[in-house]
Amino acid sequence: MNYSTFVKSIDTNKNITNSIKEHYGIVASPALIESYSTLLSSQRFAIDPVVLELRENTSSISNRYEYTLDDGAVVSITEETQNLLNQILINNTKAITFMNESKDNFFSVIQETIKE
């Protein structure tokens, strides 16, 4: 690991630690920091406020969230859609897992969500 990579990983871990404390009021363990770091680098769909905060402004399109799904598809949704999904899917890990499988699954859940 070179120096700039090392410094970047320290900054990332500090941001993760601060965000976890802000959103959940807990001190993050090294294992929790590593888990979040892995999730952030995977670009998987998530509704976790820590992940969303740290991913802000990383999309190539402004005011959108981009995700890479298990089938390799890259999808992009608006901030408004993300906020709606955050509210509806808060305790629905099965739906989140289903959405991460493929583009078709991802957008079928969004279509069903918008109907409601």
N, C-alpha and C. Protein backbone atom coordinates (compact mmCIF):
# COMPACT_ATOMS: atom_id res chain seq x y z
N MET A 1 0.86 -1.17 0.00
CA MET A 1 0.00 0.00 0.00
C MET A 1 0.90 1.23 0.00
N ASN A 2 0.66 2.15 -0.97
CA ASN A 2 1.47 3.36 -0.99
C ASN A 2 0.92 4.39 -0.01
N TYR A 3 1.66 5.45 0.18
CA TYR A 3 1.32 6.46 1.19
C TYR A 3 -0.03 7.11 0.92
N SER A 4 -0.30 7.51 -0.33
CA SER A 4 -1.57 8.19 -0.63
C SER A 4 -2.76 7.27 -0.42
N THR A 5 -2.62 5.99 -0.74
CA THR A 5 -3.69 5.02 -0.48
C THR A 5 -3.91 4.86 1.02
N PHE A 6 -2.81 4.83 1.77
CA PHE A 6 -2.88 4.72 3.22
C PHE A 6 -3.61 5.91 3.83
N VAL A 7 -3.26 7.13 3.40
CA VAL A 7 -3.89 8.35 3.92
C VAL A 7 -5.37 8.37 3.56
N LYS A 8 -5.69 7.96 2.33
CA LYS A 8 -7.09 7.93 1.90
C LYS A 8 -7.90 6.94 2.74
N SER A 9 -7.32 5.79 3.06
CA SER A 9 -8.03 4.80 3.88
C SER A 9 -8.26 5.32 5.30
N ILE A 10 -7.30 6.09 5.83
CA ILE A 10 -7.49 6.70 7.16
C ILE A 10 -8.63 7.70 7.11
N ASP A 11 -8.66 8.55 6.08
CA ASP A 11 -9.75 9.53 5.94
C ASP A 11 -11.09 8.84 5.80
N THR A 12 -11.13 7.79 4.99
CA THR A 12 -12.38 7.04 4.81
C THR A 12 -12.83 6.43 6.13
N ASN A 13 -11.93 5.81 6.86
CA ASN A 13 -12.29 5.22 8.15
C ASN A 13 -12.76 6.28 9.14
N LYS A 14 -12.14 7.45 9.12
CA LYS A 14 -12.55 8.54 10.00
C LYS A 14 -13.96 9.00 9.64
N ASN A 15 -14.25 9.12 8.34
CA ASN A 15 -15.58 9.51 7.89
C ASN A 15 -16.61 8.46 8.27
N ILE A 16 -16.28 7.19 8.10
CA ILE A 16 -17.19 6.12 8.48
C ILE A 16 -17.46 6.18 9.97
N THR A 17 -16.42 6.31 10.77
CA THR A 17 -16.56 6.36 12.22
C THR A 17 -17.45 7.53 12.64
N ASN A 18 -17.20 8.71 12.08
CA ASN A 18 -17.99 9.89 12.43
C ASN A 18 -19.45 9.74 12.02
N SER A 19 -19.68 9.18 10.84
CA SER A 19 -21.05 9.01 10.36
C SER A 19 -21.82 7.99 11.19
N ILE A 20 -21.17 6.90 11.57
CA ILE A 20 -21.83 5.90 12.43
C ILE A 20 -22.20 6.52 13.77
N LYS A 21 -21.29 7.29 14.33
CA LYS A 21 -21.57 7.94 15.62
C LYS A 21 -22.72 8.93 15.48
N GLU A 22 -22.74 9.69 14.38
CA GLU A 22 -23.79 10.68 14.15
C GLU A 22 -25.16 10.02 13.98
N HIS A 23 -25.22 8.94 13.18
CA HIS A 23 -26.51 8.33 12.86
C HIS A 23 -26.99 7.33 13.91
N TYR A 24 -26.08 6.64 14.56
CA TYR A 24 -26.47 5.58 15.49
C TYR A 24 -26.05 5.81 16.93
N GLY A 25 -25.21 6.83 17.16
CA GLY A 25 -24.79 7.15 18.52
C GLY A 25 -23.91 6.11 19.17
N ILE A 26 -23.16 5.38 18.36
CA ILE A 26 -22.28 4.35 18.91
C ILE A 26 -20.85 4.56 18.42
N VAL A 27 -19.93 3.98 19.14
CA VAL A 27 -18.53 3.99 18.71
C VAL A 27 -18.33 2.76 17.83
N ALA A 28 -17.79 2.99 16.65
CA ALA A 28 -17.64 1.90 15.67
C ALA A 28 -16.44 1.03 15.99
N SER A 29 -16.65 -0.26 15.97
CA SER A 29 -15.55 -1.21 16.14
C SER A 29 -14.79 -1.34 14.82
N PRO A 30 -13.56 -1.84 14.86
CA PRO A 30 -12.83 -2.07 13.61
C PRO A 30 -13.59 -2.98 12.64
N ALA A 31 -14.27 -3.98 13.16
CA ALA A 31 -15.04 -4.89 12.29
C ALA A 31 -16.19 -4.16 11.60
N LEU A 32 -16.86 -3.27 12.33
CA LEU A 32 -17.97 -2.51 11.75
C LEU A 32 -17.45 -1.54 10.69
N ILE A 33 -16.34 -0.90 10.96
CA ILE A 33 -15.72 0.02 9.98
C ILE A 33 -15.36 -0.75 8.72
N GLU A 34 -14.79 -1.92 8.87
CA GLU A 34 -14.41 -2.75 7.72
C GLU A 34 -15.66 -3.17 6.92
N SER A 35 -16.73 -3.51 7.62
CA SER A 35 -17.97 -3.90 6.97
C SER A 35 -18.53 -2.75 6.12
N TYR A 36 -18.54 -1.56 6.69
CA TYR A 36 -19.02 -0.39 5.95
C TYR A 36 -18.09 -0.08 4.78
N SER A 37 -16.80 -0.20 4.98
CA SER A 37 -15.84 0.07 3.92
C SER A 37 -16.07 -0.87 2.74
N THR A 38 -16.32 -2.13 3.03
CA THR A 38 -16.60 -3.12 1.98
C THR A 38 -17.90 -2.78 1.26
N LEU A 39 -18.94 -2.43 2.01
CA LEU A 39 -20.23 -2.07 1.41
C LEU A 39 -20.09 -0.83 0.53
N LEU A 40 -19.36 0.15 1.00
CA LEU A 40 -19.17 1.37 0.21
C LEU A 40 -18.44 1.09 -1.10
N SER A 41 -17.42 0.28 -1.05
CA SER A 41 -16.64 0.02 -2.25
C SER A 41 -17.38 -0.89 -3.23
N SER A 42 -18.36 -1.65 -2.76
CA SER A 42 -19.11 -2.54 -3.65
C SER A 42 -20.12 -1.82 -4.51
N GLN A 43 -20.54 -0.64 -4.10
CA GLN A 43 -21.56 0.15 -4.80
C GLN A 43 -22.92 -0.56 -4.86
N ARG A 44 -23.16 -1.50 -3.93
CA ARG A 44 -24.45 -2.19 -3.88
C ARG A 44 -25.53 -1.23 -3.40
N PHE A 45 -26.78 -1.51 -3.79
CA PHE A 45 -27.92 -0.73 -3.33
C PHE A 45 -28.06 -0.89 -1.83
N ALA A 46 -28.29 0.23 -1.15
CA ALA A 46 -28.46 0.22 0.31
C ALA A 46 -29.35 1.38 0.71
N ILE A 47 -29.99 1.24 1.87
CA ILE A 47 -30.78 2.34 2.40
C ILE A 47 -30.21 2.84 3.73
N ASP A 48 -29.08 2.31 4.13
CA ASP A 48 -28.45 2.69 5.38
C ASP A 48 -28.01 4.16 5.32
N PRO A 49 -28.38 4.97 6.32
CA PRO A 49 -28.04 6.40 6.27
C PRO A 49 -26.53 6.67 6.26
N VAL A 50 -25.74 5.82 6.87
CA VAL A 50 -24.28 5.98 6.86
C VAL A 50 -23.76 5.82 5.43
N VAL A 51 -24.21 4.78 4.77
CA VAL A 51 -23.78 4.52 3.38
C VAL A 51 -24.22 5.66 2.47
N LEU A 52 -25.47 6.08 2.61
CA LEU A 52 -25.98 7.14 1.74
C LEU A 52 -25.22 8.45 1.96
N GLU A 53 -24.94 8.77 3.20
CA GLU A 53 -24.20 10.00 3.48
C GLU A 53 -22.81 9.96 2.85
N LEU A 54 -22.13 8.84 3.00
CA LEU A 54 -20.77 8.74 2.48
C LEU A 54 -20.72 8.62 0.96
N ARG A 55 -21.83 8.21 0.36
CA ARG A 55 -21.87 8.10 -1.10
C ARG A 55 -22.35 9.38 -1.76
N GLU A 56 -22.81 10.35 -0.98
CA GLU A 56 -23.28 11.60 -1.56
C GLU A 56 -22.19 12.19 -2.44
N ASN A 57 -22.61 12.76 -3.54
CA ASN A 57 -21.70 13.44 -4.47
C ASN A 57 -20.67 12.52 -5.11
N THR A 58 -20.93 11.20 -5.15
CA THR A 58 -20.00 10.31 -5.83
C THR A 58 -20.54 9.85 -7.18
N SER A 59 -21.78 10.18 -7.47
CA SER A 59 -22.37 9.78 -8.74
C SER A 59 -21.81 10.64 -9.87
N SER A 60 -21.73 10.05 -11.05
CA SER A 60 -21.29 10.81 -12.21
C SER A 60 -22.39 11.74 -12.71
N ILE A 61 -23.62 11.56 -12.20
CA ILE A 61 -24.75 12.41 -12.57
C ILE A 61 -25.23 13.08 -11.27
N SER A 62 -25.35 14.41 -11.29
CA SER A 62 -25.71 15.11 -10.06
C SER A 62 -27.12 14.77 -9.59
N ASN A 63 -27.29 14.79 -8.27
CA ASN A 63 -28.56 14.50 -7.59
C ASN A 63 -29.10 13.11 -7.89
N ARG A 64 -28.21 12.17 -8.13
CA ARG A 64 -28.61 10.79 -8.38
C ARG A 64 -27.71 9.85 -7.59
N TYR A 65 -28.22 8.67 -7.35
CA TYR A 65 -27.45 7.60 -6.72
C TYR A 65 -27.24 6.51 -7.76
N GLU A 66 -26.02 6.02 -7.87
CA GLU A 66 -25.70 4.94 -8.80
C GLU A 66 -25.33 3.69 -8.01
N TYR A 67 -25.82 2.56 -8.50
CA TYR A 67 -25.54 1.28 -7.85
C TYR A 67 -25.11 0.26 -8.89
N THR A 68 -24.22 -0.64 -8.50
CA THR A 68 -23.82 -1.76 -9.33
C THR A 68 -24.48 -3.01 -8.74
N LEU A 69 -25.28 -3.67 -9.53
CA LEU A 69 -26.04 -4.83 -9.06
C LEU A 69 -25.26 -6.12 -9.30
N ASP A 70 -25.76 -7.21 -8.72
CA ASP A 70 -25.07 -8.50 -8.81
C ASP A 70 -24.90 -8.99 -10.24
N ASP A 71 -25.83 -8.61 -11.14
CA ASP A 71 -25.72 -9.03 -12.54
C ASP A 71 -24.79 -8.14 -13.35
N GLY A 72 -24.15 -7.16 -12.68
CA GLY A 72 -23.22 -6.27 -13.35
C GLY A 72 -23.85 -4.99 -13.88
N ALA A 73 -25.17 -4.92 -13.86
CA ALA A 73 -25.85 -3.72 -14.35
C ALA A 73 -25.58 -2.55 -13.41
N VAL A 74 -25.45 -1.37 -13.99
CA VAL A 74 -25.32 -0.14 -13.21
C VAL A 74 -26.63 0.62 -13.37
N VAL A 75 -27.26 0.95 -12.25
CA VAL A 75 -28.53 1.66 -12.28
C VAL A 75 -28.36 2.99 -11.55
N SER A 76 -29.22 3.93 -11.91
CA SER A 76 -29.16 5.26 -11.33
C SER A 76 -30.58 5.69 -10.97
N ILE A 77 -30.74 6.22 -9.76
CA ILE A 77 -32.06 6.71 -9.34
C ILE A 77 -31.91 8.12 -8.77
N THR A 78 -33.00 8.85 -8.79
CA THR A 78 -32.98 10.21 -8.26
C THR A 78 -32.93 10.18 -6.73
N GLU A 79 -32.56 11.29 -6.18
CA GLU A 79 -32.55 11.43 -4.73
C GLU A 79 -33.96 11.25 -4.16
N GLU A 80 -34.95 11.74 -4.88
CA GLU A 80 -36.35 11.61 -4.46
C GLU A 80 -36.76 10.13 -4.37
N THR A 81 -36.39 9.35 -5.40
CA THR A 81 -36.70 7.92 -5.40
C THR A 81 -35.96 7.22 -4.26
N GLN A 82 -34.70 7.59 -4.05
CA GLN A 82 -33.92 7.00 -2.95
C GLN A 82 -34.60 7.27 -1.61
N ASN A 83 -35.06 8.49 -1.41
CA ASN A 83 -35.72 8.84 -0.14
C ASN A 83 -37.01 8.04 0.05
N LEU A 84 -37.76 7.86 -1.02
CA LEU A 84 -38.98 7.06 -0.96
C LEU A 84 -38.66 5.62 -0.59
N LEU A 85 -37.65 5.04 -1.24
CA LEU A 85 -37.25 3.66 -0.93
C LEU A 85 -36.75 3.53 0.50
N ASN A 86 -36.04 4.55 0.99
CA ASN A 86 -35.55 4.53 2.37
C ASN A 86 -36.72 4.37 3.35
N GLN A 87 -37.80 5.08 3.10
CA GLN A 87 -38.96 5.03 3.99
C GLN A 87 -39.70 3.70 3.90
N ILE A 88 -39.87 3.20 2.69
CA ILE A 88 -40.67 2.00 2.48
C ILE A 88 -39.92 0.71 2.82
N LEU A 89 -38.63 0.67 2.54
CA LEU A 89 -37.87 -0.57 2.70
C LEU A 89 -37.08 -0.64 4.00
N ILE A 90 -37.37 0.22 4.95
CA ILE A 90 -36.55 0.35 6.15
C ILE A 90 -36.24 -0.98 6.85
N ASN A 91 -37.16 -1.87 6.95
CA ASN A 91 -36.92 -3.16 7.62
C ASN A 91 -37.13 -4.34 6.68
N ASN A 92 -36.97 -4.12 5.40
CA ASN A 92 -37.27 -5.16 4.43
C ASN A 92 -35.99 -5.61 3.71
N THR A 93 -35.18 -6.38 4.42
CA THR A 93 -33.91 -6.84 3.84
C THR A 93 -34.12 -7.79 2.66
N LYS A 94 -35.23 -8.51 2.64
CA LYS A 94 -35.50 -9.41 1.51
C LYS A 94 -35.68 -8.61 0.23
N ALA A 95 -36.40 -7.51 0.30
CA ALA A 95 -36.61 -6.67 -0.89
C ALA A 95 -35.30 -6.05 -1.35
N ILE A 96 -34.47 -5.62 -0.41
CA ILE A 96 -33.18 -5.02 -0.75
C ILE A 96 -32.29 -6.06 -1.42
N THR A 97 -32.26 -7.26 -0.88
CA THR A 97 -31.48 -8.35 -1.48
C THR A 97 -31.99 -8.66 -2.88
N PHE A 98 -33.31 -8.73 -3.03
CA PHE A 98 -33.94 -8.99 -4.33
C PHE A 98 -33.56 -7.89 -5.32
N MET A 99 -33.59 -6.64 -4.90
CA MET A 99 -33.26 -5.53 -5.78
C MET A 99 -31.81 -5.59 -6.25
N ASN A 100 -30.91 -6.04 -5.38
CA ASN A 100 -29.49 -6.11 -5.72
C ASN A 100 -29.17 -7.21 -6.73
N GLU A 101 -30.09 -8.16 -6.95
CA GLU A 101 -29.82 -9.28 -7.85
C GLU A 101 -29.73 -8.89 -9.31
N SER A 102 -30.64 -8.01 -9.77
CA SER A 102 -30.65 -7.67 -11.20
C SER A 102 -31.37 -6.36 -11.45
N LYS A 103 -31.13 -5.82 -12.63
CA LYS A 103 -31.78 -4.58 -13.05
C LYS A 103 -33.30 -4.76 -13.10
N ASP A 104 -33.76 -5.90 -13.63
CA ASP A 104 -35.20 -6.15 -13.71
C ASP A 104 -35.82 -6.17 -12.32
N ASN A 105 -35.19 -6.86 -11.39
CA ASN A 105 -35.70 -6.90 -10.01
C ASN A 105 -35.71 -5.50 -9.40
N PHE A 106 -34.62 -4.78 -9.61
CA PHE A 106 -34.48 -3.44 -9.04
C PHE A 106 -35.64 -2.55 -9.46
N PHE A 107 -35.89 -2.50 -10.76
CA PHE A 107 -36.92 -1.60 -11.24
C PHE A 107 -38.33 -2.14 -11.01
N SER A 108 -38.50 -3.46 -10.87
CA SER A 108 -39.84 -3.98 -10.55
C SER A 108 -40.24 -3.56 -9.14
N VAL A 109 -39.30 -3.55 -8.22
CA VAL A 109 -39.61 -3.09 -6.85
C VAL A 109 -39.95 -1.60 -6.86
N ILE A 110 -39.20 -0.83 -7.63
CA ILE A 110 -39.48 0.61 -7.71
C ILE A 110 -40.87 0.84 -8.30
N GLN A 111 -41.22 0.11 -9.36
CA GLN A 111 -42.54 0.28 -9.96
C GLN A 111 -43.65 -0.06 -8.96
N GLU A 112 -43.48 -1.15 -8.22
CA GLU A 112 -44.46 -1.53 -7.21
C GLU A 112 -44.54 -0.48 -6.10
N THR A 113 -43.41 0.08 -5.74
CA THR A 113 -43.35 1.10 -4.69
C THR A 113 -44.07 2.36 -5.11
N ILE A 114 -43.88 2.76 -6.35
CA ILE A 114 -44.52 3.99 -6.85
C ILE A 114 -46.03 3.81 -6.94
N LYS A 115 -46.51 2.61 -7.24
CA LYS A 115 -47.94 2.34 -7.31
C LYS A 115 -48.63 2.55 -5.97
N GLU A 116 -47.90 2.25 -4.89
CA GLU A 116 -48.49 2.32 -3.54
C GLU A 116 -48.71 3.69 -3.07
